């Protein structure tokens, strides 16, 4: 892998694997009751299972994220620096990050246009 001068390597953690599902209640029942995963919490738009350091999350499918597709959720200690590094490497990092669930969240496209969630801590003032 080619590294650009001036960029430090940083820890990147796989925090989530997000499944886009056509029926959230049915998917929750499958993963909880059939597979045996422990449900951490569920809302009308998101369900999350306690699967160790990497969580399995389910969300309703949309035209941009069709049912049956999966999205990794990565976390870094410095989101701005990682976005700048990805941009310098020719990756489209999308719009400005927004705060969600106590983290800054953004998206970028992986190979074949697959969405990848990238999050980091909210900077302290």
N, C-alpha and C. Protein backbone atom coordinates (compact mmCIF):
# COMPACT_ATOMS: atom_id res chain seq x y z
N UNK A 1 0.84 -1.17 0.00
CA UNK A 1 0.00 0.00 0.00
C UNK A 1 0.89 1.24 0.00
N UNK A 2 0.57 2.18 -0.85
CA UNK A 2 1.36 3.40 -0.98
C UNK A 2 0.87 4.45 0.02
N UNK A 3 1.79 5.02 0.81
CA UNK A 3 1.44 6.06 1.77
C UNK A 3 1.96 7.39 1.28
N UNK A 4 1.19 8.44 1.51
CA UNK A 4 1.60 9.78 1.14
C UNK A 4 2.48 10.36 2.23
N UNK A 5 3.50 11.09 1.84
CA UNK A 5 4.37 11.73 2.82
C UNK A 5 3.57 12.71 3.66
N UNK A 6 3.90 12.78 4.93
CA UNK A 6 3.23 13.71 5.81
C UNK A 6 2.02 13.14 6.52
N UNK A 7 1.55 11.96 6.14
CA UNK A 7 0.40 11.37 6.79
C UNK A 7 0.87 10.29 7.75
N UNK A 8 0.35 10.35 8.96
CA UNK A 8 0.65 9.34 9.96
C UNK A 8 -0.40 8.25 9.85
N UNK A 9 0.01 7.03 10.12
CA UNK A 9 -0.99 5.97 10.16
C UNK A 9 -1.75 6.11 11.46
N UNK A 10 -3.05 5.86 11.42
CA UNK A 10 -3.86 5.94 12.63
C UNK A 10 -4.68 4.67 12.74
N UNK A 11 -5.07 4.37 13.95
CA UNK A 11 -5.88 3.20 14.21
C UNK A 11 -7.25 3.38 13.57
N UNK A 12 -7.68 2.37 12.86
CA UNK A 12 -9.02 2.36 12.27
C UNK A 12 -9.71 1.12 12.82
N UNK A 13 -10.84 1.33 13.49
CA UNK A 13 -11.58 0.22 14.08
C UNK A 13 -12.85 -0.05 13.28
N UNK A 14 -13.15 -1.33 13.06
CA UNK A 14 -14.43 -1.72 12.49
C UNK A 14 -15.42 -1.77 13.64
N UNK A 15 -16.29 -0.77 13.75
CA UNK A 15 -17.22 -0.67 14.88
C UNK A 15 -18.58 -1.26 14.57
N UNK A 16 -19.00 -1.19 13.31
CA UNK A 16 -20.32 -1.66 12.92
C UNK A 16 -20.25 -2.39 11.60
N UNK A 17 -21.15 -3.34 11.45
CA UNK A 17 -21.50 -3.86 10.15
C UNK A 17 -23.01 -3.60 10.08
N UNK A 18 -23.42 -2.79 9.11
CA UNK A 18 -24.80 -2.35 9.01
C UNK A 18 -25.47 -3.09 7.86
N UNK A 19 -26.56 -3.78 8.18
CA UNK A 19 -27.34 -4.49 7.17
C UNK A 19 -28.57 -3.66 6.83
N UNK A 20 -28.79 -3.44 5.55
CA UNK A 20 -29.98 -2.74 5.07
C UNK A 20 -31.05 -3.81 4.82
N UNK A 21 -32.18 -3.70 5.51
CA UNK A 21 -33.18 -4.76 5.49
C UNK A 21 -34.53 -4.25 5.00
N UNK A 22 -35.30 -5.14 4.38
CA UNK A 22 -36.61 -4.76 3.87
C UNK A 22 -37.67 -4.73 4.97
N UNK A 23 -37.50 -5.50 6.03
CA UNK A 23 -38.46 -5.57 7.12
C UNK A 23 -37.66 -5.63 8.43
N UNK A 24 -37.58 -4.50 9.13
CA UNK A 24 -36.75 -4.41 10.32
C UNK A 24 -37.20 -5.39 11.40
N UNK A 25 -38.50 -5.46 11.67
CA UNK A 25 -38.99 -6.36 12.72
C UNK A 25 -38.65 -7.82 12.40
N UNK A 26 -38.82 -8.22 11.16
CA UNK A 26 -38.51 -9.60 10.77
C UNK A 26 -37.01 -9.88 10.87
N UNK A 27 -36.20 -8.89 10.50
CA UNK A 27 -34.75 -9.07 10.57
C UNK A 27 -34.29 -9.15 12.02
N UNK A 28 -34.87 -8.32 12.90
CA UNK A 28 -34.54 -8.38 14.32
C UNK A 28 -34.89 -9.76 14.85
N UNK A 29 -36.10 -10.24 14.53
CA UNK A 29 -36.52 -11.56 15.00
C UNK A 29 -35.57 -12.65 14.52
N UNK A 30 -35.14 -12.57 13.27
CA UNK A 30 -34.22 -13.58 12.73
C UNK A 30 -32.91 -13.59 13.51
N UNK A 31 -32.27 -12.43 13.63
CA UNK A 31 -30.96 -12.38 14.28
C UNK A 31 -31.05 -12.67 15.78
N UNK A 32 -32.14 -12.26 16.41
CA UNK A 32 -32.31 -12.49 17.85
C UNK A 32 -32.80 -13.92 18.14
N UNK A 33 -33.91 -14.30 17.51
CA UNK A 33 -34.59 -15.55 17.86
C UNK A 33 -34.03 -16.78 17.13
N UNK A 34 -33.61 -16.62 15.89
CA UNK A 34 -33.11 -17.75 15.12
C UNK A 34 -31.61 -17.93 15.31
N UNK A 35 -30.86 -16.84 15.16
CA UNK A 35 -29.42 -16.93 15.26
C UNK A 35 -28.97 -16.91 16.73
N UNK A 36 -29.69 -16.16 17.57
CA UNK A 36 -29.37 -16.13 18.99
C UNK A 36 -28.53 -14.95 19.45
N UNK A 37 -28.49 -13.87 18.65
CA UNK A 37 -27.74 -12.69 19.07
C UNK A 37 -28.51 -11.91 20.13
N UNK A 38 -27.78 -11.23 21.01
CA UNK A 38 -28.39 -10.42 22.06
C UNK A 38 -28.71 -9.03 21.52
N UNK A 39 -29.99 -8.66 21.54
CA UNK A 39 -30.43 -7.35 21.08
C UNK A 39 -30.03 -6.30 22.10
N UNK A 40 -29.26 -5.31 21.67
CA UNK A 40 -28.83 -4.22 22.55
C UNK A 40 -29.94 -3.19 22.66
N UNK A 41 -30.48 -2.73 21.52
CA UNK A 41 -31.64 -1.85 21.52
C UNK A 41 -32.25 -1.81 20.13
N UNK A 42 -33.48 -1.30 20.08
CA UNK A 42 -34.21 -1.22 18.81
C UNK A 42 -35.06 0.05 18.80
N UNK A 43 -35.03 0.76 17.67
CA UNK A 43 -35.91 1.90 17.43
C UNK A 43 -36.62 1.62 16.11
N UNK A 44 -37.55 2.46 15.69
CA UNK A 44 -38.20 2.22 14.40
C UNK A 44 -37.23 2.31 13.20
N UNK A 45 -36.06 2.96 13.40
CA UNK A 45 -35.14 3.15 12.28
C UNK A 45 -33.79 2.46 12.45
N UNK A 46 -33.60 1.70 13.53
CA UNK A 46 -32.28 1.14 13.79
C UNK A 46 -32.42 0.04 14.84
N UNK A 47 -31.68 -1.02 14.69
CA UNK A 47 -31.57 -2.05 15.72
C UNK A 47 -30.10 -2.41 15.82
N UNK A 48 -29.67 -2.71 17.04
CA UNK A 48 -28.26 -2.99 17.24
C UNK A 48 -28.11 -4.20 18.17
N UNK A 49 -27.22 -5.09 17.77
CA UNK A 49 -26.96 -6.29 18.55
C UNK A 49 -25.61 -6.20 19.23
N UNK A 50 -25.53 -6.74 20.44
CA UNK A 50 -24.29 -6.78 21.19
C UNK A 50 -23.49 -7.97 20.71
N UNK A 51 -22.52 -7.71 19.86
CA UNK A 51 -21.72 -8.78 19.25
C UNK A 51 -20.24 -8.56 19.50
N UNK A 52 -19.91 -8.03 20.68
CA UNK A 52 -18.50 -7.78 21.00
C UNK A 52 -18.08 -6.40 20.54
N UNK A 53 -16.80 -6.24 20.23
CA UNK A 53 -16.31 -4.90 19.87
C UNK A 53 -16.88 -4.38 18.55
N UNK A 54 -17.34 -5.25 17.69
CA UNK A 54 -17.98 -4.84 16.44
C UNK A 54 -19.45 -5.20 16.52
N UNK A 55 -20.31 -4.20 16.33
CA UNK A 55 -21.75 -4.40 16.46
C UNK A 55 -22.38 -4.75 15.11
N UNK A 56 -23.43 -5.56 15.17
CA UNK A 56 -24.28 -5.76 14.01
C UNK A 56 -25.44 -4.80 14.16
N UNK A 57 -25.62 -3.94 13.16
CA UNK A 57 -26.72 -2.99 13.17
C UNK A 57 -27.61 -3.27 11.97
N UNK A 58 -28.91 -3.05 12.15
CA UNK A 58 -29.88 -3.20 11.07
C UNK A 58 -30.58 -1.87 10.87
N UNK A 59 -30.82 -1.52 9.61
CA UNK A 59 -31.61 -0.32 9.35
C UNK A 59 -32.49 -0.59 8.13
N UNK A 60 -33.63 0.11 8.06
CA UNK A 60 -34.51 -0.10 6.91
C UNK A 60 -33.81 0.28 5.60
N UNK A 61 -34.06 -0.52 4.60
CA UNK A 61 -33.49 -0.27 3.28
C UNK A 61 -34.08 1.02 2.70
N UNK A 62 -33.36 1.58 1.75
CA UNK A 62 -33.81 2.79 1.04
C UNK A 62 -33.35 2.65 -0.41
N UNK A 63 -33.80 3.54 -1.29
CA UNK A 63 -33.30 3.47 -2.67
C UNK A 63 -31.78 3.57 -2.76
N UNK A 64 -31.17 4.36 -1.88
CA UNK A 64 -29.71 4.50 -1.90
C UNK A 64 -29.01 3.30 -1.27
N UNK A 65 -29.71 2.60 -0.37
CA UNK A 65 -29.15 1.44 0.34
C UNK A 65 -30.16 0.30 0.27
N UNK A 66 -30.20 -0.43 -0.85
CA UNK A 66 -31.21 -1.48 -1.04
C UNK A 66 -31.09 -2.64 -0.05
N UNK A 67 -32.21 -3.29 0.18
CA UNK A 67 -32.24 -4.47 1.05
C UNK A 67 -31.23 -5.49 0.56
N UNK A 68 -30.56 -6.10 1.52
CA UNK A 68 -29.57 -7.12 1.19
C UNK A 68 -28.16 -6.58 1.04
N UNK A 69 -28.00 -5.26 1.12
CA UNK A 69 -26.65 -4.69 1.04
C UNK A 69 -26.14 -4.44 2.46
N UNK A 70 -24.82 -4.39 2.58
CA UNK A 70 -24.16 -4.23 3.87
C UNK A 70 -23.20 -3.06 3.79
N UNK A 71 -22.98 -2.40 4.92
CA UNK A 71 -22.10 -1.24 4.97
C UNK A 71 -21.20 -1.33 6.20
N UNK A 72 -19.89 -1.25 6.02
CA UNK A 72 -19.03 -1.21 7.19
C UNK A 72 -19.07 0.16 7.85
N UNK A 73 -18.89 0.17 9.15
CA UNK A 73 -18.81 1.41 9.92
C UNK A 73 -17.47 1.47 10.61
N UNK A 74 -16.61 2.37 10.16
CA UNK A 74 -15.26 2.50 10.69
C UNK A 74 -15.18 3.68 11.64
N UNK A 75 -14.32 3.59 12.66
CA UNK A 75 -14.11 4.69 13.60
C UNK A 75 -12.63 5.00 13.67
N UNK A 76 -12.33 6.30 13.67
CA UNK A 76 -10.94 6.78 13.74
C UNK A 76 -10.84 7.81 14.88
N UNK A 77 -9.63 8.03 15.41
CA UNK A 77 -9.49 9.00 16.50
C UNK A 77 -9.55 10.45 16.03
N UNK A 78 -9.29 10.72 14.74
CA UNK A 78 -9.29 12.08 14.21
C UNK A 78 -9.96 12.07 12.84
N UNK A 79 -11.26 12.34 12.84
CA UNK A 79 -12.05 12.25 11.60
C UNK A 79 -11.58 13.26 10.56
N UNK A 80 -11.31 14.48 10.97
CA UNK A 80 -10.88 15.51 10.01
C UNK A 80 -9.59 15.10 9.31
N UNK A 81 -8.64 14.58 10.08
CA UNK A 81 -7.35 14.16 9.50
C UNK A 81 -7.54 12.99 8.55
N UNK A 82 -8.39 12.03 8.91
CA UNK A 82 -8.60 10.87 8.05
C UNK A 82 -9.32 11.28 6.77
N UNK A 83 -10.30 12.18 6.87
CA UNK A 83 -10.99 12.65 5.67
C UNK A 83 -10.01 13.38 4.75
N UNK A 84 -9.12 14.20 5.32
CA UNK A 84 -8.13 14.91 4.50
C UNK A 84 -7.19 13.91 3.82
N UNK A 85 -6.78 12.89 4.54
CA UNK A 85 -5.90 11.87 3.98
C UNK A 85 -6.60 11.12 2.84
N UNK A 86 -7.85 10.72 3.07
CA UNK A 86 -8.59 10.01 2.01
C UNK A 86 -8.77 10.90 0.78
N UNK A 87 -9.11 12.16 1.01
CA UNK A 87 -9.28 13.10 -0.09
C UNK A 87 -7.99 13.25 -0.88
N UNK A 88 -6.86 13.36 -0.17
CA UNK A 88 -5.56 13.49 -0.84
C UNK A 88 -5.22 12.25 -1.66
N UNK A 89 -5.82 11.14 -1.29
CA UNK A 89 -5.60 9.89 -2.02
C UNK A 89 -6.63 9.66 -3.12
N UNK A 90 -7.45 10.69 -3.38
CA UNK A 90 -8.41 10.61 -4.48
C UNK A 90 -9.76 10.03 -4.13
N UNK A 91 -10.05 9.86 -2.83
CA UNK A 91 -11.34 9.31 -2.41
C UNK A 91 -12.32 10.46 -2.23
N UNK A 92 -13.52 10.30 -2.76
CA UNK A 92 -14.57 11.29 -2.55
C UNK A 92 -15.12 11.10 -1.14
N UNK A 93 -14.90 12.09 -0.27
CA UNK A 93 -15.30 11.96 1.13
C UNK A 93 -16.68 12.52 1.42
N UNK A 94 -17.39 12.97 0.41
CA UNK A 94 -18.77 13.40 0.61
C UNK A 94 -18.91 14.70 1.35
N UNK A 95 -20.10 14.89 1.90
CA UNK A 95 -20.43 16.16 2.54
C UNK A 95 -19.80 16.27 3.93
N UNK A 96 -19.96 17.44 4.53
CA UNK A 96 -19.43 17.73 5.85
C UNK A 96 -20.00 16.74 6.87
N UNK A 97 -19.17 16.23 7.78
CA UNK A 97 -19.67 15.32 8.81
C UNK A 97 -20.74 15.98 9.67
N UNK A 98 -21.63 15.15 10.20
CA UNK A 98 -22.66 15.63 11.11
C UNK A 98 -22.59 14.83 12.41
N UNK A 99 -23.08 15.43 13.48
CA UNK A 99 -23.05 14.75 14.77
C UNK A 99 -24.23 13.81 14.88
N UNK A 100 -23.95 12.59 15.33
CA UNK A 100 -24.99 11.59 15.51
C UNK A 100 -24.54 10.63 16.61
N UNK A 101 -25.38 10.43 17.62
CA UNK A 101 -25.11 9.49 18.72
C UNK A 101 -23.79 9.81 19.43
N UNK A 102 -23.44 11.09 19.52
CA UNK A 102 -22.24 11.49 20.25
C UNK A 102 -20.95 11.40 19.46
N UNK A 103 -21.03 11.15 18.16
CA UNK A 103 -19.86 11.08 17.29
C UNK A 103 -20.10 11.93 16.06
N UNK A 104 -19.03 12.32 15.39
CA UNK A 104 -19.14 12.93 14.07
C UNK A 104 -19.19 11.78 13.06
N UNK A 105 -20.09 11.88 12.11
CA UNK A 105 -20.30 10.80 11.15
C UNK A 105 -20.23 11.35 9.74
N UNK A 106 -19.54 10.62 8.87
CA UNK A 106 -19.49 10.97 7.45
C UNK A 106 -19.48 9.67 6.65
N UNK A 107 -19.57 9.81 5.36
CA UNK A 107 -19.57 8.66 4.46
C UNK A 107 -18.53 8.87 3.37
N UNK A 108 -17.99 7.78 2.88
CA UNK A 108 -17.20 7.82 1.66
C UNK A 108 -17.55 6.59 0.86
N UNK A 109 -17.15 6.57 -0.40
CA UNK A 109 -17.45 5.43 -1.26
C UNK A 109 -16.24 4.53 -1.38
N UNK A 110 -16.47 3.24 -1.17
CA UNK A 110 -15.44 2.24 -1.36
C UNK A 110 -15.45 1.74 -2.79
N UNK A 111 -14.79 0.62 -3.03
CA UNK A 111 -14.78 0.04 -4.38
C UNK A 111 -16.22 -0.21 -4.87
N UNK A 112 -16.42 -0.01 -6.13
CA UNK A 112 -17.72 -0.20 -6.77
C UNK A 112 -18.81 0.70 -6.21
N UNK A 113 -18.42 1.78 -5.52
CA UNK A 113 -19.39 2.74 -5.01
C UNK A 113 -20.06 2.33 -3.71
N UNK A 114 -19.60 1.26 -3.07
CA UNK A 114 -20.21 0.82 -1.82
C UNK A 114 -19.99 1.87 -0.74
N UNK A 115 -21.06 2.27 -0.01
CA UNK A 115 -20.90 3.27 1.03
C UNK A 115 -20.16 2.71 2.24
N UNK A 116 -19.33 3.56 2.85
CA UNK A 116 -18.60 3.22 4.06
C UNK A 116 -18.84 4.36 5.04
N UNK A 117 -19.29 4.02 6.24
CA UNK A 117 -19.50 4.99 7.29
C UNK A 117 -18.17 5.22 8.00
N UNK A 118 -17.84 6.48 8.25
CA UNK A 118 -16.61 6.83 8.93
C UNK A 118 -16.95 7.80 10.05
N UNK A 119 -16.57 7.45 11.27
CA UNK A 119 -16.91 8.30 12.40
C UNK A 119 -15.68 8.56 13.26
N UNK A 120 -15.81 9.61 14.07
CA UNK A 120 -14.77 9.98 15.01
C UNK A 120 -15.36 10.81 16.12
N UNK A 121 -14.58 11.07 17.17
CA UNK A 121 -15.10 11.84 18.29
C UNK A 121 -15.40 13.28 17.89
N UNK A 122 -16.35 13.87 18.59
CA UNK A 122 -16.64 15.29 18.41
C UNK A 122 -15.49 16.07 19.04
N UNK A 123 -14.85 16.99 18.29
CA UNK A 123 -13.74 17.75 18.87
C UNK A 123 -14.19 18.57 20.07
N UNK A 124 -13.34 18.63 21.09
CA UNK A 124 -13.66 19.41 22.28
C UNK A 124 -13.26 20.86 22.02
N UNK A 125 -14.11 21.81 22.47
CA UNK A 125 -13.80 23.23 22.23
C UNK A 125 -12.58 23.70 22.96
